[in-house]
Amino acid sequence: MPNASDRPRRVTVDGNGPMLIEGPVEIVREDGTIATSDRFVVAVCTCRRSRILPWCDTSHRRRRKPPGAAPREDGDRQPHGPDPKDTKDTHDGDHH
């Protein structure tokens, strides 16, 4: 999918999180399949922990608690991504 505008596509890189790319985007995976998103900005996983690759599901936020650390107010529950068996290739806006 070629860029529709004459201006460059903006990519924001954060060493502690995903790459944010102005959309719409097409991502060609290693196996040659294409994942697409029509979102204004998409978050592309850089840690490779996401269950919905190439999109970020915030798995990079999951860390082990240090020994003796107090639990968080939310009970230390972590966010869950979509079912990893879901093979949907279109990013529908549930994740940024």
C-alpha atoms as a PDB file:
ATOM      1  CA  MET A   1       0.000   0.000   0.000  1.00  0.00           C
ATOM      2  CA  PRO A   2       1.784   3.158  -1.104  1.00  0.00           C
ATOM      3  CA  ASN A   3       1.469   6.303   0.986  1.00  0.00           C
ATOM      4  CA  ALA A   4      -1.483   8.369  -0.193  1.00  0.00           C
ATOM      5  CA  SER A   5       0.121  11.667   0.791  1.00  0.00           C
ATOM      6  CA  ASP A   6       3.310  13.408  -0.245  1.00  0.00           C
ATOM      7  CA  ARG A   7       4.506  13.831   3.326  1.00  0.00           C
ATOM      8  CA  PRO A   8       6.623  11.206   5.070  1.00  0.00           C
ATOM      9  CA  ARG A   9       4.987   8.672   7.366  1.00  0.00           C
ATOM     10  CA  ARG A  10       5.811   9.434  11.031  1.00  0.00           C
ATOM     11  CA  VAL A  11       7.177   6.628  13.220  1.00  0.00           C
ATOM     12  CA  THR A  12       7.713   7.214  16.945  1.00  0.00           C
ATOM     13  CA  VAL A  13      10.165   4.867  18.653  1.00  0.00           C
ATOM     14  CA  ASP A  14      10.093   4.328  22.418  1.00  0.00           C
ATOM     15  CA  GLY A  15      12.700   1.964  23.847  1.00  0.00           C
ATOM     16  CA  ASN A  16      10.249   0.830  26.547  1.00  0.00           C
ATOM     17  CA  GLY A  17       7.244   0.213  24.362  1.00  0.00           C
ATOM     18  CA  PRO A  18       5.875  -0.255  20.863  1.00  0.00           C
ATOM     19  CA  MET A  19       6.663   1.657  17.710  1.00  0.00           C
ATOM     20  CA  LEU A  20       3.829   4.070  16.941  1.00  0.00           C
ATOM     21  CA  ILE A  21       3.212   4.445  13.209  1.00  0.00           C
ATOM     22  CA  GLU A  22       0.815   6.858  11.538  1.00  0.00           C
ATOM     23  CA  GLY A  23      -1.740   4.788   9.668  1.00  0.00           C
ATOM     24  CA  PRO A  24      -3.114   3.318   7.632  1.00  0.00           C
ATOM     25  CA  VAL A  25      -0.391   0.662   7.475  1.00  0.00           C
ATOM     26  CA  GLU A  26       0.391  -2.688   5.918  1.00  0.00           C
ATOM     27  CA  ILE A  27       2.988  -4.859   7.599  1.00  0.00           C
ATOM     28  CA  VAL A  28       4.613  -7.693   5.698  1.00  0.00           C
ATOM     29  CA  ARG A  29       5.391 -10.501   8.139  1.00  0.00           C
ATOM     30  CA  GLU A  30       8.396 -12.844   7.925  1.00  0.00           C
ATOM     31  CA  ASP A  31       6.239 -15.494   6.241  1.00  0.00           C
ATOM     32  CA  GLY A  32       5.054 -13.015   3.597  1.00  0.00           C
ATOM     33  CA  THR A  33       1.512 -12.580   4.929  1.00  0.00           C
ATOM     34  CA  ILE A  34       0.230  -9.032   5.299  1.00  0.00           C
ATOM     35  CA  ALA A  35      -1.388  -7.486   8.371  1.00  0.00           C
ATOM     36  CA  THR A  36      -3.323  -4.261   7.761  1.00  0.00           C
ATOM     37  CA  SER A  37      -4.719  -1.473   9.908  1.00  0.00           C
ATOM     38  CA  ASP A  38      -6.779   1.551   8.927  1.00  0.00           C
ATOM     39  CA  ARG A  39      -6.278   3.242  12.293  1.00  0.00           C
ATOM     40  CA  PHE A  40      -4.927   6.799  12.517  1.00  0.00           C
ATOM     41  CA  VAL A  41      -1.971   5.558  14.610  1.00  0.00           C
ATOM     42  CA  VAL A  42      -1.035   1.927  15.254  1.00  0.00           C
ATOM     43  CA  ALA A  43       1.226   0.414  17.901  1.00  0.00           C
ATOM     44  CA  VAL A  44       3.575  -2.204  16.482  1.00  0.00           C
ATOM     45  CA  CYS A  45       5.126  -4.644  18.942  1.00  0.00           C
ATOM     46  CA  THR A  46       8.906  -4.476  19.281  1.00  0.00           C
ATOM     47  CA  CYS A  47       9.335  -6.841  22.259  1.00  0.00           C
ATOM     48  CA  ARG A  48       7.840  -9.854  20.403  1.00  0.00           C
ATOM     49  CA  ARG A  49       5.765 -10.793  23.506  1.00  0.00           C
ATOM     50  CA  SER A  50       2.427  -9.742  22.018  1.00  0.00           C
ATOM     51  CA  ARG A  51      -0.161 -12.427  21.378  1.00  0.00           C
ATOM     52  CA  ILE A  52      -1.504 -10.416  18.450  1.00  0.00           C
ATOM     53  CA  LEU A  53       1.719  -9.773  16.516  1.00  0.00           C
ATOM     54  CA  PRO A  54       2.508  -7.521  14.794  1.00  0.00           C
ATOM     55  CA  TRP A  55       0.226  -5.324  16.932  1.00  0.00           C
ATOM     56  CA  CYS A  56       1.097  -4.416  20.517  1.00  0.00           C
ATOM     57  CA  ASP A  57      -1.109  -5.855  23.284  1.00  0.00           C
ATOM     58  CA  THR A  58       0.902  -4.158  26.092  1.00  0.00           C
ATOM     59  CA  SER A  59       2.740  -7.381  26.978  1.00  0.00           C
ATOM     60  CA  HIS A  60       5.892  -5.289  27.350  1.00  0.00           C
ATOM     61  CA  ARG A  61       4.364  -3.908  30.565  1.00  0.00           C
ATOM     62  CA  ARG A  62       4.272  -7.328  32.223  1.00  0.00           C
ATOM     63  CA  ARG A  63       7.211  -7.742  34.538  1.00  0.00           C
ATOM     64  CA  ARG A  64       8.019 -10.038  37.400  1.00  0.00           C
ATOM     65  CA  LYS A  65       7.530  -8.556  40.833  1.00  0.00           C
ATOM     66  CA  PRO A  66      10.684  -8.187  42.887  1.00  0.00           C
ATOM     67  CA  PRO A  67      10.764 -10.516  45.899  1.00  0.00           C
ATOM     68  CA  GLY A  68       8.872  -8.964  48.811  1.00  0.00           C
ATOM     69  CA  ALA A  69       7.138  -6.349  46.636  1.00  0.00           C
ATOM     70  CA  ALA A  70       3.706  -5.236  47.817  1.00  0.00           C
ATOM     71  CA  PRO A  71       0.791  -6.091  45.492  1.00  0.00           C
ATOM     72  CA  ARG A  72      -0.696  -3.285  43.440  1.00  0.00           C
ATOM     73  CA  GLU A  73      -4.132  -1.894  44.275  1.00  0.00           C
ATOM     74  CA  ASP A  74      -5.672  -3.744  41.316  1.00  0.00           C
ATOM     75  CA  GLY A  75      -4.615  -7.082  42.805  1.00  0.00           C
ATOM     76  CA  ASP A  76      -1.636  -7.439  40.446  1.00  0.00           C
ATOM     77  CA  ARG A  77      -3.932  -8.573  37.670  1.00  0.00           C
ATOM     78  CA  GLN A  78      -2.369  -8.191  34.267  1.00  0.00           C
ATOM     79  CA  PRO A  79      -4.247  -7.252  31.081  1.00  0.00           C
ATOM     80  CA  HIS A  80      -5.092 -10.165  28.845  1.00  0.00           C
ATOM     81  CA  GLY A  81      -4.767 -10.030  25.091  1.00  0.00           C
ATOM     82  CA  PRO A  82      -7.149 -11.627  22.630  1.00  0.00           C
ATOM     83  CA  ASP A  83      -7.241 -15.364  22.088  1.00  0.00           C
ATOM     84  CA  PRO A  84      -3.911 -16.314  20.448  1.00  0.00           C
ATOM     85  CA  LYS A  85      -5.826 -18.749  18.216  1.00  0.00           C
ATOM     86  CA  ASP A  86      -7.605 -15.778  16.641  1.00  0.00           C
ATOM     87  CA  THR A  87      -5.975 -15.371  13.226  1.00  0.00           C
ATOM     88  CA  LYS A  88      -7.691 -12.114  12.316  1.00  0.00           C
ATOM     89  CA  ASP A  89      -5.244 -10.032  10.261  1.00  0.00           C
ATOM     90  CA  THR A  90      -7.049  -6.703  10.361  1.00  0.00           C
ATOM     91  CA  HIS A  91      -6.387  -4.399  13.295  1.00  0.00           C
ATOM     92  CA  ASP A  92      -9.843  -3.356  14.414  1.00  0.00           C
ATOM     93  CA  GLY A  93      -9.033  -0.614  16.903  1.00  0.00           C
ATOM     94  CA  ASP A  94      -9.147  -2.537  20.175  1.00  0.00           C
ATOM     95  CA  HIS A  95      -5.462  -1.820  20.738  1.00  0.00           C
ATOM     96  CA  HIS A  96      -3.456   1.261  19.879  1.00  0.00           C
END
